[in-house]
Amino acid sequence: MRAVRFHEHGGPEVLTVDEVDEPEPAYGEVVVDVEAAAVNPVDTYFREGEYPVPHLPFIGGSDVAGVVNAVGDGVDAFAVGDRVFGTGLGNGRPGSYAEAVAAPVGNLAHLPDEVDFETAAALALVGTTAWQALVHHAAAEPAETVLVHGGSGGVGHVAIQLAETMGARVHATASPEDAADLESLGADEVFDYSRDDLEEAVVDAGGADVVIDLHMDQYLQFNANVANPAARVVGIGNDTSNGSFDDIGITKGKEIRYQFMSMYNADDIGAVLARLGDLCARGEVAPVIYETYDLDETAEAQRAVLEDSFLGKLVVTP
C-alpha cells in the first residue's frame, strides 16, 4: 500500500510517499481502509521532532475515517465492512496518512450513514478536543458564557458549535473576515483579536464563565481579567513555550480554575466520538472543510495547516 512517511525530522519536504506492507491487526485492533485523514498542527510536531516517535521512518496522521477490512482477536464491537472514524493515531504508533491503518478499537466509533468520510475525519481530533474541554474539564452549563480564542481554527470553530448546542452563549476571538462565518456556526459575538480594547469589549459583553484557549501563552493574564467569578479556563494550544501572569492575584480573588489539556489523555475517545458522530448526523455539529488534498499532496497540506490563514480543516484522501 502507499503511505506518507518521514525518514528524518524536518520540514514538509521530508515527507515521501512510499510503498509499504499493509498492517496486520494486533489484539484489540482493527485495520481500516482509509477513505479520509485530516491534517492537524499536532501532526507536524511529530514530523519536526518536537514530539517523539518510536522509530524512523514513521507514518504520521492522527485522524481516520474509512471501512474496516480486518479484525484482530478480542474485538467484538466492530466487523469487516463497518464504517468507522477515529483519532489519537500517529502518537507512538503509525498514523493515518496511508491507504490503510491499524487502530485500537478504543480510538474508534461507528460512523453514522448520514456522515461522509471527509467530514468524519475532519471532526475526529478537533471534536474530541472540544468535547474534553467543554464537557469533561469545564462542565459548561446552559446559559453560561463561553469565550473561544482562535474561533476560526479547527478546534475553535467546532467548540463554538458544541457550546451553542449545549445552550451556552458563545463569544469568540478571530479575524474580522471570519466573523460572519463564525456567527453562522453559532457565535453570538465575534471580537477582532487585534483590537486595542479587546479586554474591555469582552468584559462589557458579559465576561466569560468558560474560556477555551487555543493561544494560552498569549492570554493567561487576559483570561484572568475577563473571567467571571468561579470561571474555568481550559488551555489547549500555544504558539510559544512561554507564558506568564502580570497579576496572578486576580485568579485567587475570582477563584478561577485553570486546566491545561491534551486530547491524547482522554479516557474514552471512542465514547466521545460516538456522541460527536450522533451530533454530526443530526446536523448540530459539523466541521468546515476548507480544502481536500490527495495523498501525494500531504506535504503541501502540512505546510498549509501551519502557514496559511483559513477557517476550518484540511483533509487528505488516499
C-alpha atoms as a PDB file:
ATOM      1  CA  MET A   1       0.000   0.000   0.000  1.00  0.00           C
ATOM      2  CA  ARG A   2       1.011   3.669  -0.247  1.00  0.00           C
ATOM      3  CA  ALA A   3       1.872   5.599   2.898  1.00  0.00           C
ATOM      4  CA  VAL A   4       3.306   9.031   3.636  1.00  0.00           C
ATOM      5  CA  ARG A   5       6.392   8.729   5.833  1.00  0.00           C
ATOM      6  CA  PHE A   6       9.272  10.830   7.090  1.00  0.00           C
ATOM      7  CA  HIS A   7      12.682   9.152   7.245  1.00  0.00           C
ATOM      8  CA  GLU A   8      14.179  12.058   9.180  1.00  0.00           C
ATOM      9  CA  HIS A   9      12.848  15.032  11.088  1.00  0.00           C
ATOM     10  CA  GLY A  10      12.444  18.334   9.291  1.00  0.00           C
ATOM     11  CA  GLY A  11      10.077  20.463   7.250  1.00  0.00           C
ATOM     12  CA  PRO A  12       7.289  19.251   4.966  1.00  0.00           C
ATOM     13  CA  GLU A  13       9.872  18.354   2.320  1.00  0.00           C
ATOM     14  CA  VAL A  14      10.945  15.287   4.346  1.00  0.00           C
ATOM     15  CA  LEU A  15       7.578  13.609   3.691  1.00  0.00           C
ATOM     16  CA  THR A  16       7.661  10.947   0.977  1.00  0.00           C
ATOM     17  CA  VAL A  17       5.053   8.600  -0.460  1.00  0.00           C
ATOM     18  CA  ASP A  18       6.406   5.067  -0.007  1.00  0.00           C
ATOM     19  CA  GLU A  19       5.248   1.561  -0.797  1.00  0.00           C
ATOM     20  CA  VAL A  20       4.934  -0.363   2.491  1.00  0.00           C
ATOM     21  CA  ASP A  21       3.364  -3.579   3.726  1.00  0.00           C
ATOM     22  CA  GLU A  22      -0.274  -3.424   4.736  1.00  0.00           C
ATOM     23  CA  PRO A  23      -0.727  -3.553   8.529  1.00  0.00           C
ATOM     24  CA  GLU A  24      -2.000  -6.587  10.392  1.00  0.00           C
ATOM     25  CA  PRO A  25      -4.363  -6.122  13.344  1.00  0.00           C
ATOM     26  CA  ALA A  26      -2.947  -6.924  16.771  1.00  0.00           C
ATOM     27  CA  TYR A  27      -5.110  -7.964  19.712  1.00  0.00           C
ATOM     28  CA  GLY A  28      -7.838  -5.358  20.252  1.00  0.00           C
ATOM     29  CA  GLU A  29      -7.233  -3.698  16.889  1.00  0.00           C
ATOM     30  CA  VAL A  30      -8.885  -3.453  13.501  1.00  0.00           C
ATOM     31  CA  VAL A  31      -7.402  -2.465  10.164  1.00  0.00           C
ATOM     32  CA  VAL A  32      -9.220   0.382   8.456  1.00  0.00           C
ATOM     33  CA  ASP A  33      -9.128   1.115   4.724  1.00  0.00           C
ATOM     34  CA  VAL A  34      -8.584   4.869   4.860  1.00  0.00           C
ATOM     35  CA  GLU A  35     -11.096   6.993   2.970  1.00  0.00           C
ATOM     36  CA  ALA A  36     -10.035  10.278   4.580  1.00  0.00           C
ATOM     37  CA  ALA A  37      -7.453  11.564   7.061  1.00  0.00           C
ATOM     38  CA  ALA A  38      -7.496  15.077   8.497  1.00  0.00           C
ATOM     39  CA  VAL A  39      -4.444  17.329   8.833  1.00  0.00           C
ATOM     40  CA  ASN A  40      -3.724  18.870  12.227  1.00  0.00           C
ATOM     41  CA  PRO A  41      -0.927  21.091  13.536  1.00  0.00           C
ATOM     42  CA  VAL A  42      -0.015  18.352  16.019  1.00  0.00           C
ATOM     43  CA  ASP A  43       0.823  16.035  13.104  1.00  0.00           C
ATOM     44  CA  THR A  44       3.614  18.422  12.104  1.00  0.00           C
ATOM     45  CA  TYR A  45       5.101  18.379  15.609  1.00  0.00           C
ATOM     46  CA  PHE A  46       5.890  14.671  15.265  1.00  0.00           C
ATOM     47  CA  ARG A  47       7.423  15.281  11.840  1.00  0.00           C
ATOM     48  CA  GLU A  48       9.557  18.144  13.124  1.00  0.00           C
ATOM     49  CA  GLY A  49      10.771  16.145  16.119  1.00  0.00           C
ATOM     50  CA  GLU A  50       9.121  18.312  18.790  1.00  0.00           C
ATOM     51  CA  TYR A  51       7.133  15.246  19.856  1.00  0.00           C
ATOM     52  CA  PRO A  52       8.863  11.841  19.925  1.00  0.00           C
ATOM     53  CA  VAL A  53       8.157   8.980  17.516  1.00  0.00           C
ATOM     54  CA  PRO A  54       9.020   5.340  18.260  1.00  0.00           C
ATOM     55  CA  HIS A  55      11.054   4.804  15.101  1.00  0.00           C
ATOM     56  CA  LEU A  56      12.020   6.175  11.708  1.00  0.00           C
ATOM     57  CA  PRO A  57      10.715   6.049   9.071  1.00  0.00           C
ATOM     58  CA  PHE A  58       7.317   6.886  10.517  1.00  0.00           C
ATOM     59  CA  ILE A  59       3.759   7.334   9.207  1.00  0.00           C
ATOM     60  CA  GLY A  60       2.032  10.347  10.726  1.00  0.00           C
ATOM     61  CA  GLY A  61      -1.614  11.373  10.913  1.00  0.00           C
ATOM     62  CA  SER A  62      -3.995  11.433  13.894  1.00  0.00           C
ATOM     63  CA  ASP A  63      -7.466  11.202  12.322  1.00  0.00           C
ATOM     64  CA  VAL A  64      -9.044   8.493  10.193  1.00  0.00           C
ATOM     65  CA  ALA A  65     -12.360   7.662   8.579  1.00  0.00           C
ATOM     66  CA  GLY A  66     -12.914   4.570   6.488  1.00  0.00           C
ATOM     67  CA  VAL A  67     -14.085   0.958   6.359  1.00  0.00           C
ATOM     68  CA  VAL A  68     -12.902  -1.968   8.497  1.00  0.00           C
ATOM     69  CA  ASN A  69     -11.128  -4.584   6.375  1.00  0.00           C
ATOM     70  CA  ALA A  70      -9.680  -6.861   9.084  1.00  0.00           C
ATOM     71  CA  VAL A  71     -10.444  -7.575  12.741  1.00  0.00           C
ATOM     72  CA  GLY A  72      -7.955  -8.718  15.378  1.00  0.00           C
ATOM     73  CA  ASP A  73      -8.511 -11.084  18.275  1.00  0.00           C
ATOM     74  CA  GLY A  74     -10.518  -9.750  21.181  1.00  0.00           C
ATOM     75  CA  VAL A  75     -12.631  -7.419  19.039  1.00  0.00           C
ATOM     76  CA  ASP A  76     -16.407  -7.752  19.302  1.00  0.00           C
ATOM     77  CA  ALA A  77     -17.679  -4.227  18.653  1.00  0.00           C
ATOM     78  CA  PHE A  78     -16.543  -3.970  15.017  1.00  0.00           C
ATOM     79  CA  ALA A  79     -16.807  -6.216  11.977  1.00  0.00           C
ATOM     80  CA  VAL A  80     -15.405  -6.217   8.460  1.00  0.00           C
ATOM     81  CA  GLY A  81     -17.341  -3.716   6.362  1.00  0.00           C
ATOM     82  CA  ASP A  82     -18.207  -1.355   9.221  1.00  0.00           C
ATOM     83  CA  ARG A  83     -17.893   2.383   8.565  1.00  0.00           C
ATOM     84  CA  VAL A  84     -15.766   3.914  11.330  1.00  0.00           C
ATOM     85  CA  PHE A  85     -13.884   7.039  12.316  1.00  0.00           C
ATOM     86  CA  GLY A  86     -11.259   7.669  14.927  1.00  0.00           C
ATOM     87  CA  THR A  87      -8.414   9.735  16.299  1.00  0.00           C
ATOM     88  CA  GLY A  88      -5.366   9.538  18.555  1.00  0.00           C
ATOM     89  CA  LEU A  89      -3.268   7.702  15.971  1.00  0.00           C
ATOM     90  CA  GLY A  90       0.247   8.730  14.942  1.00  0.00           C
ATOM     91  CA  ASN A  91       1.246   9.082  18.609  1.00  0.00           C
ATOM     92  CA  GLY A  92       3.536   6.192  19.499  1.00  0.00           C
ATOM     93  CA  ARG A  93       2.120   4.120  16.649  1.00  0.00           C
ATOM     94  CA  PRO A  94       1.822   4.528  12.842  1.00  0.00           C
ATOM     95  CA  GLY A  95      -0.805   7.028  11.786  1.00  0.00           C
ATOM     96  CA  SER A  96      -3.430   7.535   9.134  1.00  0.00           C
ATOM     97  CA  TYR A  97      -1.553   9.108   6.194  1.00  0.00           C
ATOM     98  CA  ALA A  98      -1.818   5.832   4.319  1.00  0.00           C
ATOM     99  CA  GLU A  99      -4.209   3.648   2.379  1.00  0.00           C
ATOM    100  CA  ALA A 100      -4.783   1.505   5.489  1.00  0.00           C
ATOM    101  CA  VAL A 101      -4.064   1.819   9.208  1.00  0.00           C
ATOM    102  CA  ALA A 102      -4.250  -0.483  12.238  1.00  0.00           C
ATOM    103  CA  ALA A 103      -6.189   1.207  15.047  1.00  0.00           C
ATOM    104  CA  PRO A 104      -7.091   0.222  18.637  1.00  0.00           C
ATOM    105  CA  VAL A 105     -10.837  -0.168  18.958  1.00  0.00           C
ATOM    106  CA  GLY A 106     -10.865   2.293  21.863  1.00  0.00           C
ATOM    107  CA  ASN A 107      -9.867   5.029  19.439  1.00  0.00           C
ATOM    108  CA  LEU A 108     -12.734   4.339  17.038  1.00  0.00           C
ATOM    109  CA  ALA A 109     -16.501   4.704  16.792  1.00  0.00           C
ATOM    110  CA  HIS A 110     -19.104   3.581  14.301  1.00  0.00           C
ATOM    111  CA  LEU A 111     -19.772   6.247  11.686  1.00  0.00           C
ATOM    112  CA  PRO A 112     -23.432   7.062  11.044  1.00  0.00           C
ATOM    113  CA  ASP A 113     -24.528   6.631   7.423  1.00  0.00           C
ATOM    114  CA  GLU A 114     -25.567  10.297   7.310  1.00  0.00           C
ATOM    115  CA  VAL A 115     -21.956  11.471   7.803  1.00  0.00           C
ATOM    116  CA  ASP A 116     -19.459  11.282   4.935  1.00  0.00           C
ATOM    117  CA  PHE A 117     -15.864  10.159   5.436  1.00  0.00           C
ATOM    118  CA  GLU A 118     -14.253  13.567   4.859  1.00  0.00           C
ATOM    119  CA  THR A 119     -16.493  15.217   7.442  1.00  0.00           C
ATOM    120  CA  ALA A 120     -15.850  12.443   9.967  1.00  0.00           C
ATOM    121  CA  ALA A 121     -12.072  12.638   9.601  1.00  0.00           C
ATOM    122  CA  ALA A 122     -12.163  16.421   9.933  1.00  0.00           C
ATOM    123  CA  LEU A 123     -14.287  16.166  13.081  1.00  0.00           C
ATOM    124  CA  ALA A 124     -12.443  13.449  14.996  1.00  0.00           C
ATOM    125  CA  LEU A 125      -9.486  15.125  16.745  1.00  0.00           C
ATOM    126  CA  VAL A 126     -10.884  18.637  16.973  1.00  0.00           C
ATOM    127  CA  GLY A 127     -14.292  17.412  18.092  1.00  0.00           C
ATOM    128  CA  THR A 128     -12.818  15.175  20.784  1.00  0.00           C
ATOM    129  CA  THR A 129     -10.616  18.049  21.951  1.00  0.00           C
ATOM    130  CA  ALA A 130     -13.543  20.476  22.111  1.00  0.00           C
ATOM    131  CA  TRP A 131     -15.642  17.880  23.958  1.00  0.00           C
ATOM    132  CA  GLN A 132     -12.926  17.218  26.525  1.00  0.00           C
ATOM    133  CA  ALA A 133     -12.514  20.947  27.099  1.00  0.00           C
ATOM    134  CA  LEU A 134     -16.172  21.942  27.323  1.00  0.00           C
ATOM    135  CA  VAL A 135     -17.848  18.855  28.756  1.00  0.00           C
ATOM    136  CA  HIS A 136     -15.193  16.966  30.721  1.00  0.00           C
ATOM    137  CA  HIS A 137     -12.974  19.742  32.086  1.00  0.00           C
ATOM    138  CA  ALA A 138     -15.126  22.892  32.117  1.00  0.00           C
ATOM    139  CA  ALA A 139     -18.525  21.226  32.669  1.00  0.00           C
ATOM    140  CA  ALA A 140     -20.067  24.123  30.765  1.00  0.00           C
ATOM    141  CA  GLU A 141     -23.739  24.688  31.521  1.00  0.00           C
ATOM    142  CA  PRO A 142     -26.647  26.178  29.556  1.00  0.00           C
ATOM    143  CA  ALA A 143     -26.815  29.987  29.690  1.00  0.00           C
ATOM    144  CA  GLU A 144     -23.155  30.325  30.701  1.00  0.00           C
ATOM    145  CA  THR A 145     -20.909  32.480  28.530  1.00  0.00           C
ATOM    146  CA  VAL A 146     -18.139  30.611  26.727  1.00  0.00           C
ATOM    147  CA  LEU A 147     -15.244  32.522  25.166  1.00  0.00           C
ATOM    148  CA  VAL A 148     -13.300  30.716  22.441  1.00  0.00           C
ATOM    149  CA  HIS A 149      -9.907  32.135  21.495  1.00  0.00           C
ATOM    150  CA  GLY A 150      -8.944  31.287  17.910  1.00  0.00           C
ATOM    151  CA  GLY A 151     -12.508  30.689  16.795  1.00  0.00           C
ATOM    152  CA  SER A 152     -11.652  30.084  13.139  1.00  0.00           C
ATOM    153  CA  GLY A 153      -9.224  27.232  13.868  1.00  0.00           C
ATOM    154  CA  GLY A 154     -10.003  23.546  13.748  1.00  0.00           C
ATOM    155  CA  VAL A 155     -10.792  23.142  17.441  1.00  0.00           C
ATOM    156  CA  GLY A 156     -12.178  26.667  17.779  1.00  0.00           C
ATOM    157  CA  HIS A 157     -14.873  26.506  15.116  1.00  0.00           C
ATOM    158  CA  VAL A 158     -16.111  23.132  16.397  1.00  0.00           C
ATOM    159  CA  ALA A 159     -16.018  24.340  20.022  1.00  0.00           C
ATOM    160  CA  ILE A 160     -18.290  27.225  19.019  1.00  0.00           C
ATOM    161  CA  GLN A 161     -20.838  24.789  17.594  1.00  0.00           C
ATOM    162  CA  LEU A 162     -20.638  22.407  20.525  1.00  0.00           C
ATOM    163  CA  ALA A 163     -21.027  25.191  23.091  1.00  0.00           C
ATOM    164  CA  GLU A 164     -24.003  26.607  21.206  1.00  0.00           C
ATOM    165  CA  THR A 165     -25.586  23.155  21.046  1.00  0.00           C
ATOM    166  CA  MET A 166     -25.113  22.857  24.820  1.00  0.00           C
ATOM    167  CA  GLY A 167     -27.138  26.041  25.287  1.00  0.00           C
ATOM    168  CA  ALA A 168     -24.268  28.382  26.127  1.00  0.00           C
ATOM    169  CA  ARG A 169     -23.857  31.943  24.954  1.00  0.00           C
ATOM    170  CA  VAL A 170     -20.751  31.869  22.750  1.00  0.00           C
ATOM    171  CA  HIS A 171     -18.186  34.577  22.123  1.00  0.00           C
ATOM    172  CA  ALA A 172     -15.040  34.168  20.030  1.00  0.00           C
ATOM    173  CA  THR A 173     -11.877  35.992  19.064  1.00  0.00           C
ATOM    174  CA  ALA A 174     -10.914  35.796  15.393  1.00  0.00           C
ATOM    175  CA  SER A 175     -10.019  37.819  12.328  1.00  0.00           C
ATOM    176  CA  PRO A 176     -12.767  40.190  11.146  1.00  0.00           C
ATOM    177  CA  GLU A 177     -13.075  38.394   7.802  1.00  0.00           C
ATOM    178  CA  ASP A 178     -14.197  35.239   9.634  1.00  0.00           C
ATOM    179  CA  ALA A 179     -16.793  36.931  11.849  1.00  0.00           C
ATOM    180  CA  ALA A 180     -19.840  36.308   9.677  1.00  0.00           C
ATOM    181  CA  ASP A 181     -18.970  32.641   9.174  1.00  0.00           C
ATOM    182  CA  LEU A 182     -18.428  32.088  12.890  1.00  0.00           C
ATOM    183  CA  GLU A 183     -21.720  33.755  13.691  1.00  0.00           C
ATOM    184  CA  SER A 184     -23.404  31.380  11.250  1.00  0.00           C
ATOM    185  CA  LEU A 185     -21.829  28.496  13.189  1.00  0.00           C
ATOM    186  CA  GLY A 186     -23.309  29.708  16.472  1.00  0.00           C
ATOM    187  CA  ALA A 187     -21.151  32.523  17.849  1.00  0.00           C
ATOM    188  CA  ASP A 188     -23.233  35.293  19.411  1.00  0.00           C
ATOM    189  CA  GLU A 189     -20.426  37.807  19.143  1.00  0.00           C
ATOM    190  CA  VAL A 190     -17.031  37.714  17.426  1.00  0.00           C
ATOM    191  CA  PHE A 191     -14.272  40.060  18.564  1.00  0.00           C
ATOM    192  CA  ASP A 192     -11.391  41.164  16.359  1.00  0.00           C
ATOM    193  CA  TYR A 193      -8.460  39.671  18.235  1.00  0.00           C
ATOM    194  CA  SER A 194      -6.236  42.613  17.224  1.00  0.00           C
ATOM    195  CA  ARG A 195      -8.407  45.427  18.613  1.00  0.00           C
ATOM    196  CA  ASP A 196      -6.753  47.566  21.261  1.00  0.00           C
ATOM    197  CA  ASP A 197      -9.757  47.455  23.577  1.00  0.00           C
ATOM    198  CA  LEU A 198     -10.345  43.690  23.315  1.00  0.00           C
ATOM    199  CA  GLU A 199     -10.318  43.109  27.057  1.00  0.00           C
ATOM    200  CA  GLU A 200     -12.785  45.911  27.719  1.00  0.00           C
ATOM    201  CA  ALA A 201     -15.057  44.694  24.902  1.00  0.00           C
ATOM    202  CA  VAL A 202     -15.202  41.152  26.301  1.00  0.00           C
ATOM    203  CA  VAL A 203     -15.958  42.402  29.814  1.00  0.00           C
ATOM    204  CA  ASP A 204     -18.676  44.721  28.518  1.00  0.00           C
ATOM    205  CA  ALA A 205     -20.222  41.751  26.677  1.00  0.00           C
ATOM    206  CA  GLY A 206     -20.552  39.799  29.924  1.00  0.00           C
ATOM    207  CA  GLY A 207     -17.075  38.428  30.559  1.00  0.00           C
ATOM    208  CA  ALA A 208     -16.604  34.669  30.464  1.00  0.00           C
ATOM    209  CA  ASP A 209     -17.674  31.751  32.633  1.00  0.00           C
ATOM    210  CA  VAL A 210     -15.654  29.339  30.490  1.00  0.00           C
ATOM    211  CA  VAL A 211     -12.631  30.145  28.324  1.00  0.00           C
ATOM    212  CA  ILE A 212     -11.400  27.759  25.627  1.00  0.00           C
ATOM    213  CA  ASP A 213      -7.893  28.971  24.847  1.00  0.00           C
ATOM    214  CA  LEU A 214      -6.023  27.878  21.726  1.00  0.00           C
ATOM    215  CA  HIS A 215      -3.293  30.509  22.330  1.00  0.00           C
ATOM    216  CA  MET A 216      -2.746  30.147  26.053  1.00  0.00           C
ATOM    217  CA  ASP A 217       0.769  31.627  26.086  1.00  0.00           C
ATOM    218  CA  GLN A 218      -0.717  34.933  24.910  1.00  0.00           C
ATOM    219  CA  TYR A 219      -3.846  35.111  27.051  1.00  0.00           C
ATOM    220  CA  LEU A 220      -3.054  33.881  30.575  1.00  0.00           C
ATOM    221  CA  GLN A 221      -3.493  37.314  32.173  1.00  0.00           C
ATOM    222  CA  PHE A 222      -6.184  38.380  29.713  1.00  0.00           C
ATOM    223  CA  ASN A 223      -8.297  35.369  30.658  1.00  0.00           C
ATOM    224  CA  ALA A 224      -7.986  36.193  34.341  1.00  0.00           C
ATOM    225  CA  ASN A 225      -9.004  39.787  33.693  1.00  0.00           C
ATOM    226  CA  VAL A 226     -12.148  38.936  31.693  1.00  0.00           C
ATOM    227  CA  ALA A 227     -13.180  35.861  33.677  1.00  0.00           C
ATOM    228  CA  ASN A 228     -16.256  35.914  35.874  1.00  0.00           C
ATOM    229  CA  PRO A 229     -16.061  34.568  39.438  1.00  0.00           C
ATOM    230  CA  ALA A 230     -15.511  30.783  39.523  1.00  0.00           C
ATOM    231  CA  ALA A 231     -14.713  30.702  35.815  1.00  0.00           C
ATOM    232  CA  ARG A 232     -12.954  27.732  34.238  1.00  0.00           C
ATOM    233  CA  VAL A 233     -10.120  28.339  31.771  1.00  0.00           C
ATOM    234  CA  VAL A 234      -9.077  25.383  29.597  1.00  0.00           C
ATOM    235  CA  GLY A 235      -5.740  25.759  27.815  1.00  0.00           C
ATOM    236  CA  ILE A 236      -5.357  23.628  24.687  1.00  0.00           C
ATOM    237  CA  GLY A 237      -2.898  25.255  22.288  1.00  0.00           C
ATOM    238  CA  ASN A 238       0.064  27.605  22.432  1.00  0.00           C
ATOM    239  CA  ASP A 239       2.260  29.401  19.919  1.00  0.00           C
ATOM    240  CA  THR A 240       5.403  29.595  22.056  1.00  0.00           C
ATOM    241  CA  SER A 241       6.748  27.725  25.069  1.00  0.00           C
ATOM    242  CA  ASN A 242       6.466  30.764  27.359  1.00  0.00           C
ATOM    243  CA  GLY A 243       3.517  32.331  29.144  1.00  0.00           C
ATOM    244  CA  SER A 244       3.062  34.360  32.297  1.00  0.00           C
ATOM    245  CA  PHE A 245       0.785  36.468  34.503  1.00  0.00           C
ATOM    246  CA  ASP A 246       1.298  40.149  35.278  1.00  0.00           C
ATOM    247  CA  ASP A 247      -1.042  39.967  38.254  1.00  0.00           C
ATOM    248  CA  ILE A 248      -1.734  36.412  39.337  1.00  0.00           C
ATOM    249  CA  GLY A 249      -3.665  37.605  42.393  1.00  0.00           C
ATOM    250  CA  ILE A 250      -6.725  38.198  40.220  1.00  0.00           C
ATOM    251  CA  THR A 251      -7.029  34.443  39.765  1.00  0.00           C
ATOM    252  CA  LYS A 252      -7.311  33.933  43.524  1.00  0.00           C
ATOM    253  CA  GLY A 253      -9.803  36.712  44.061  1.00  0.00           C
ATOM    254  CA  LYS A 254     -12.125  35.226  41.436  1.00  0.00           C
ATOM    255  CA  GLU A 255     -11.236  31.601  42.292  1.00  0.00           C
ATOM    256  CA  ILE A 256     -10.575  30.799  38.656  1.00  0.00           C
ATOM    257  CA  ARG A 257      -9.742  27.200  37.785  1.00  0.00           C
ATOM    258  CA  TYR A 258      -7.109  26.644  35.102  1.00  0.00           C
ATOM    259  CA  GLN A 259      -6.906  23.316  33.288  1.00  0.00           C
ATOM    260  CA  PHE A 260      -4.284  22.523  30.650  1.00  0.00           C
ATOM    261  CA  MET A 261      -5.088  19.526  28.485  1.00  0.00           C
ATOM    262  CA  SER A 262      -4.159  17.245  25.602  1.00  0.00           C
ATOM    263  CA  MET A 263      -6.688  15.260  23.607  1.00  0.00           C
ATOM    264  CA  TYR A 264      -4.353  12.250  23.770  1.00  0.00           C
ATOM    265  CA  ASN A 265      -5.095  11.974  27.513  1.00  0.00           C
ATOM    266  CA  ALA A 266      -8.838  11.483  27.014  1.00  0.00           C
ATOM    267  CA  ASP A 267     -10.100   8.479  28.975  1.00  0.00           C
ATOM    268  CA  ASP A 268     -12.601   7.118  26.441  1.00  0.00           C
ATOM    269  CA  ILE A 269     -12.052   8.502  22.960  1.00  0.00           C
ATOM    270  CA  GLY A 270     -14.423   6.010  21.376  1.00  0.00           C
ATOM    271  CA  ALA A 271     -17.363   7.039  23.563  1.00  0.00           C
ATOM    272  CA  VAL A 272     -16.784  10.727  22.832  1.00  0.00           C
ATOM    273  CA  LEU A 273     -16.545  10.028  19.096  1.00  0.00           C
ATOM    274  CA  ALA A 274     -19.827   8.122  19.177  1.00  0.00           C
ATOM    275  CA  ARG A 275     -21.614  11.143  20.657  1.00  0.00           C
ATOM    276  CA  LEU A 276     -19.954  13.514  18.213  1.00  0.00           C
ATOM    277  CA  GLY A 277     -20.995  11.266  15.328  1.00  0.00           C
ATOM    278  CA  ASP A 278     -24.587  11.422  16.522  1.00  0.00           C
ATOM    279  CA  LEU A 279     -24.474  15.226  16.802  1.00  0.00           C
ATOM    280  CA  CYS A 280     -22.986  15.437  13.314  1.00  0.00           C
ATOM    281  CA  ALA A 281     -25.643  13.120  11.879  1.00  0.00           C
ATOM    282  CA  ARG A 282     -28.304  15.423  13.357  1.00  0.00           C
ATOM    283  CA  GLY A 283     -26.649  18.484  11.839  1.00  0.00           C
ATOM    284  CA  GLU A 284     -25.818  20.089  15.179  1.00  0.00           C
ATOM    285  CA  VAL A 285     -22.022  19.963  14.868  1.00  0.00           C
ATOM    286  CA  ALA A 286     -20.091  19.779  11.598  1.00  0.00           C
ATOM    287  CA  PRO A 287     -16.540  20.794  10.712  1.00  0.00           C
ATOM    288  CA  VAL A 288     -15.913  23.185   7.850  1.00  0.00           C
ATOM    289  CA  ILE A 289     -13.623  21.551   5.283  1.00  0.00           C
ATOM    290  CA  TYR A 290     -11.516  24.280   3.724  1.00  0.00           C
ATOM    291  CA  GLU A 291      -9.585  22.120   1.255  1.00  0.00           C
ATOM    292  CA  THR A 292      -9.029  18.472   0.333  1.00  0.00           C
ATOM    293  CA  TYR A 293      -5.679  17.043  -0.836  1.00  0.00           C
ATOM    294  CA  ASP A 294      -4.562  13.819  -2.492  1.00  0.00           C
ATOM    295  CA  LEU A 295      -2.240  11.549  -0.502  1.00  0.00           C
ATOM    296  CA  ASP A 296       0.788  12.662  -2.511  1.00  0.00           C
ATOM    297  CA  GLU A 297      -0.037  16.287  -1.584  1.00  0.00           C
ATOM    298  CA  THR A 298       0.252  15.663   2.162  1.00  0.00           C
ATOM    299  CA  ALA A 299       3.444  17.718   2.409  1.00  0.00           C
ATOM    300  CA  GLU A 300       1.656  20.745   0.979  1.00  0.00           C
ATOM    301  CA  ALA A 301      -1.267  20.173   3.352  1.00  0.00           C
ATOM    302  CA  GLN A 302       1.086  20.106   6.340  1.00  0.00           C
ATOM    303  CA  ARG A 303       2.721  23.309   5.163  1.00  0.00           C
ATOM    304  CA  ALA A 304      -0.663  24.975   4.767  1.00  0.00           C
ATOM    305  CA  VAL A 305      -2.008  23.931   8.171  1.00  0.00           C
ATOM    306  CA  LEU A 306       0.747  25.949   9.859  1.00  0.00           C
ATOM    307  CA  GLU A 307       1.357  28.797   7.441  1.00  0.00           C
ATOM    308  CA  ASP A 308      -1.950  29.660   5.748  1.00  0.00           C
ATOM    309  CA  SER A 309      -4.905  31.502   7.237  1.00  0.00           C
ATOM    310  CA  PHE A 310      -8.266  29.768   6.767  1.00  0.00           C
ATOM    311  CA  LEU A 311     -11.406  28.754   8.593  1.00  0.00           C
ATOM    312  CA  GLY A 312     -11.888  25.070   9.281  1.00  0.00           C
ATOM    313  CA  LYS A 313      -9.980  21.923   8.429  1.00  0.00           C
ATOM    314  CA  LEU A 314      -7.765  20.344   5.775  1.00  0.00           C
ATOM    315  CA  VAL A 315      -8.356  16.729   4.697  1.00  0.00           C
ATOM    316  CA  VAL A 316      -6.263  14.154   2.809  1.00  0.00           C
ATOM    317  CA  THR A 317      -7.935  11.424   0.736  1.00  0.00           C
ATOM    318  CA  PRO A 318      -5.825   8.438  -0.408  1.00  0.00           C
END
